[in-house]
C-alpha atoms as a PDB file:
ATOM      1  CA  GLN A   1      -0.502  -0.062  -0.454  1.00  0.00           C
ATOM      2  CA  VAL A   2       1.844   3.996  -0.740  1.00  0.00           C
ATOM      3  CA  GLN A   3       1.886   6.548   1.459  1.00  0.00           C
ATOM      4  CA  LEU A   4       2.784   9.167   2.268  1.00  0.00           C
ATOM      5  CA  VAL A   5       2.582  10.765   5.452  1.00  0.00           C
ATOM      6  CA  GLU A   6       2.935  13.953   6.205  1.00  0.00           C
ATOM      7  CA  SER A   7       3.661  15.886   9.472  1.00  0.00           C
ATOM      8  CA  GLY A   8       5.111  19.059  10.888  1.00  0.00           C
ATOM      9  CA  GLY A   9       2.810  21.418  10.174  1.00  0.00           C
ATOM     10  CA  GLY A  10       0.786  23.950  13.253  1.00  0.00           C
ATOM     11  CA  LEU A  11       0.928  27.252  13.538  1.00  0.00           C
ATOM     12  CA  VAL A  12       3.692  29.753  13.969  1.00  0.00           C
ATOM     13  CA  GLN A  13       4.670  33.277  14.174  1.00  0.00           C
ATOM     14  CA  PRO A  14       5.638  35.471  11.193  1.00  0.00           C
ATOM     15  CA  GLY A  15       9.830  35.237  10.769  1.00  0.00           C
ATOM     16  CA  GLY A  16       9.102  31.835  12.832  1.00  0.00           C
ATOM     17  CA  SER A  17      10.848  28.097  11.606  1.00  0.00           C
ATOM     18  CA  LEU A  18       8.725  24.285  10.904  1.00  0.00           C
ATOM     19  CA  ARG A  19      10.549  21.613   9.377  1.00  0.00           C
ATOM     20  CA  LEU A  20       7.880  19.724   7.739  1.00  0.00           C
ATOM     21  CA  SER A  21       8.667  15.553   6.892  1.00  0.00           C
ATOM     22  CA  CYS A  22       6.881  13.186   4.583  1.00  0.00           C
ATOM     23  CA  VAL A  23       7.708   9.770   5.259  1.00  0.00           C
ATOM     24  CA  ALA A  24       7.224   7.230   2.456  1.00  0.00           C
ATOM     25  CA  SER A  25       6.185   3.451   2.268  1.00  0.00           C
ATOM     26  CA  GLY A  26       4.541   1.251  -0.788  1.00  0.00           C
ATOM     27  CA  PHE A  27       7.172   2.720  -3.681  1.00  0.00           C
ATOM     28  CA  SER A  28      10.532   3.266  -4.101  1.00  0.00           C
ATOM     29  CA  PHE A  29      11.669   6.276  -2.834  1.00  0.00           C
ATOM     30  CA  SER A  30      15.171   6.599  -3.472  1.00  0.00           C
ATOM     31  CA  SER A  31      14.317   5.872  -7.067  1.00  0.00           C
ATOM     32  CA  SER A  32      11.376   9.079  -6.951  1.00  0.00           C
ATOM     33  CA  GLY A  33      11.351  12.618  -7.658  1.00  0.00           C
ATOM     34  CA  MET A  34       9.855  14.084  -4.298  1.00  0.00           C
ATOM     35  CA  ARG A  35       8.671  17.272  -4.223  1.00  0.00           C
ATOM     36  CA  TRP A  36       6.272  20.183  -1.260  1.00  0.00           C
ATOM     37  CA  TYR A  37       3.351  21.752  -2.705  1.00  0.00           C
ATOM     38  CA  ARG A  38       1.385  23.870  -0.663  1.00  0.00           C
ATOM     39  CA  GLN A  39      -2.680  25.082  -1.573  1.00  0.00           C
ATOM     40  CA  ALA A  40      -3.191  28.066   0.278  1.00  0.00           C
ATOM     41  CA  PRO A  41      -7.169  29.372   0.189  1.00  0.00           C
ATOM     42  CA  GLY A  42      -8.735  30.578  -2.367  1.00  0.00           C
ATOM     43  CA  LYS A  43      -5.696  29.740  -4.364  1.00  0.00           C
ATOM     44  CA  GLU A  44      -4.101  26.646  -6.467  1.00  0.00           C
ATOM     45  CA  ARG A  45      -1.689  24.748  -5.504  1.00  0.00           C
ATOM     46  CA  GLU A  46       1.666  25.060  -5.823  1.00  0.00           C
ATOM     47  CA  LEU A  47       4.810  24.210  -6.401  1.00  0.00           C
ATOM     48  CA  VAL A  48       6.896  24.934  -3.394  1.00  0.00           C
ATOM     49  CA  ALA A  49      10.523  22.714  -4.202  1.00  0.00           C
ATOM     50  CA  ALA A  50      12.175  19.945  -5.596  1.00  0.00           C
ATOM     51  CA  ILE A  51      14.602  17.443  -4.732  1.00  0.00           C
ATOM     52  CA  SER A  52      15.879  14.624  -7.284  1.00  0.00           C
ATOM     53  CA  SER A  53      15.928  10.942  -6.692  1.00  0.00           C
ATOM     54  CA  VAL A  54      19.629  10.941  -8.630  1.00  0.00           C
ATOM     55  CA  GLY A  55      22.515  13.417  -7.190  1.00  0.00           C
ATOM     56  CA  GLY A  56      19.986  15.270  -4.955  1.00  0.00           C
ATOM     57  CA  LYS A  57      19.498  18.158  -6.915  1.00  0.00           C
ATOM     58  CA  THR A  58      16.812  20.666  -6.229  1.00  0.00           C
ATOM     59  CA  THR A  59      15.072  23.698  -7.732  1.00  0.00           C
ATOM     60  CA  TYR A  60      12.673  25.841  -5.272  1.00  0.00           C
ATOM     61  CA  ALA A  61       9.923  28.799  -6.577  1.00  0.00           C
ATOM     62  CA  ASP A  62      11.386  31.744  -6.403  1.00  0.00           C
ATOM     63  CA  SER A  63       9.593  33.137  -3.559  1.00  0.00           C
ATOM     64  CA  MET A  64      11.360  30.379  -1.271  1.00  0.00           C
ATOM     65  CA  LYS A  65      14.123  30.901  -2.612  1.00  0.00           C
ATOM     66  CA  GLY A  66      16.714  31.111   0.349  1.00  0.00           C
ATOM     67  CA  ARG A  67      14.071  30.571   2.994  1.00  0.00           C
ATOM     68  CA  PHE A  68      13.039  26.194   2.371  1.00  0.00           C
ATOM     69  CA  THR A  69      15.323  24.171   1.926  1.00  0.00           C
ATOM     70  CA  ILE A  70      13.823  20.751   1.131  1.00  0.00           C
ATOM     71  CA  SER A  71      16.042  17.475   1.679  1.00  0.00           C
ATOM     72  CA  ARG A  72      15.276  13.310   1.833  1.00  0.00           C
ATOM     73  CA  ASP A  73      16.983  10.907   3.547  1.00  0.00           C
ATOM     74  CA  ASN A  74      17.317   7.823   2.135  1.00  0.00           C
ATOM     75  CA  ALA A  75      17.303   5.539   4.291  1.00  0.00           C
ATOM     76  CA  LYS A  76      14.567   6.681   6.349  1.00  0.00           C
ATOM     77  CA  ASN A  77      12.995   7.013   2.709  1.00  0.00           C
ATOM     78  CA  THR A  78      11.813  10.360   4.553  1.00  0.00           C
ATOM     79  CA  VAL A  79      12.013  13.638   1.828  1.00  0.00           C
ATOM     80  CA  TYR A  80      11.685  16.824   4.944  1.00  0.00           C
ATOM     81  CA  LEU A  81      10.892  20.481   3.888  1.00  0.00           C
ATOM     82  CA  GLN A  82      12.835  23.381   6.442  1.00  0.00           C
ATOM     83  CA  MET A  83      10.871  26.434   6.109  1.00  0.00           C
ATOM     84  CA  ASN A  84      12.269  29.757   8.087  1.00  0.00           C
ATOM     85  CA  SER A  85      11.618  33.329   7.868  1.00  0.00           C
ATOM     86  CA  LEU A  86       7.516  32.685   7.630  1.00  0.00           C
ATOM     87  CA  LYS A  87       5.273  34.690   6.103  1.00  0.00           C
ATOM     88  CA  ASP A  88       1.927  35.078   7.009  1.00  0.00           C
ATOM     89  CA  GLU A  89       1.210  34.109   2.739  1.00  0.00           C
ATOM     90  CA  ASP A  90       2.937  30.839   3.472  1.00  0.00           C
ATOM     91  CA  THR A  91       0.227  30.021   5.119  1.00  0.00           C
ATOM     92  CA  GLY A  92      -1.509  27.232   3.039  1.00  0.00           C
ATOM     93  CA  VAL A  93      -2.156  23.293   2.774  1.00  0.00           C
ATOM     94  CA  TYR A  94       1.466  20.989   2.001  1.00  0.00           C
ATOM     95  CA  TYR A  95       1.298  18.461   0.343  1.00  0.00           C
ATOM     96  CA  CYS A  96       3.883  15.868  -0.799  1.00  0.00           C
ATOM     97  CA  HIS A  97       4.463  14.795  -3.840  1.00  0.00           C
ATOM     98  CA  ALA A  98       6.596  11.444  -5.265  1.00  0.00           C
ATOM     99  CA  ARG A  99       7.122  10.904  -8.945  1.00  0.00           C
ATOM    100  CA  GLY A 100       8.381   7.773 -11.216  1.00  0.00           C
ATOM    101  CA  ASP A 101       8.668   5.332 -13.802  1.00  0.00           C
ATOM    102  CA  GLY A 102       4.590   5.570 -14.734  1.00  0.00           C
ATOM    103  CA  TYR A 103       2.996   6.783 -11.293  1.00  0.00           C
ATOM    104  CA  VAL A 104       2.676   9.833  -8.941  1.00  0.00           C
ATOM    105  CA  TYR A 105       2.308  10.107  -5.252  1.00  0.00           C
ATOM    106  CA  TRP A 106       0.201  12.610  -3.186  1.00  0.00           C
ATOM    107  CA  GLY A 107      -0.039  12.651   0.130  1.00  0.00           C
ATOM    108  CA  GLN A 108      -3.241  13.830   2.269  1.00  0.00           C
ATOM    109  CA  GLY A 109      -1.069  17.395   3.818  1.00  0.00           C
ATOM    110  CA  THR A 110       0.399  18.638   6.545  1.00  0.00           C
ATOM    111  CA  GLN A 111      -1.931  22.397   8.053  1.00  0.00           C
ATOM    112  CA  VAL A 112       0.654  25.645   8.095  1.00  0.00           C
ATOM    113  CA  THR A 113      -0.702  28.839   9.584  1.00  0.00           C
ATOM    114  CA  VAL A 114       1.301  32.100   9.918  1.00  0.00           C
ATOM    115  CA  SER A 115      -0.229  33.817  11.747  1.00  0.00           C
ATOM    116  CA  SER A 116       0.610  36.614  14.799  1.00  0.00           C
END
């Protein structure tokens, strides 16, 4: 059974930090490109960051560069998103995404709320 289970969301003040985790099971995590997406209230889902399966190459949406860091631990089947200097506009549901040869999987999402 394929699962992507996100955790680490919550309420944080502007300028604060959160670390999201996504634990994968049921498929070849090490062979999968991993991404984090987010969906803010009333907006479309958008790509936050991506990390490749080979070499761990990372890419970020422009508004996250320098604040967010995506990483992966293939031994733990886990992808992380370290979020620093959080802003009100970072509020939303953050989704873990896996893509491989012939498959795409999504997690259920974890809520991040940035508010004073």
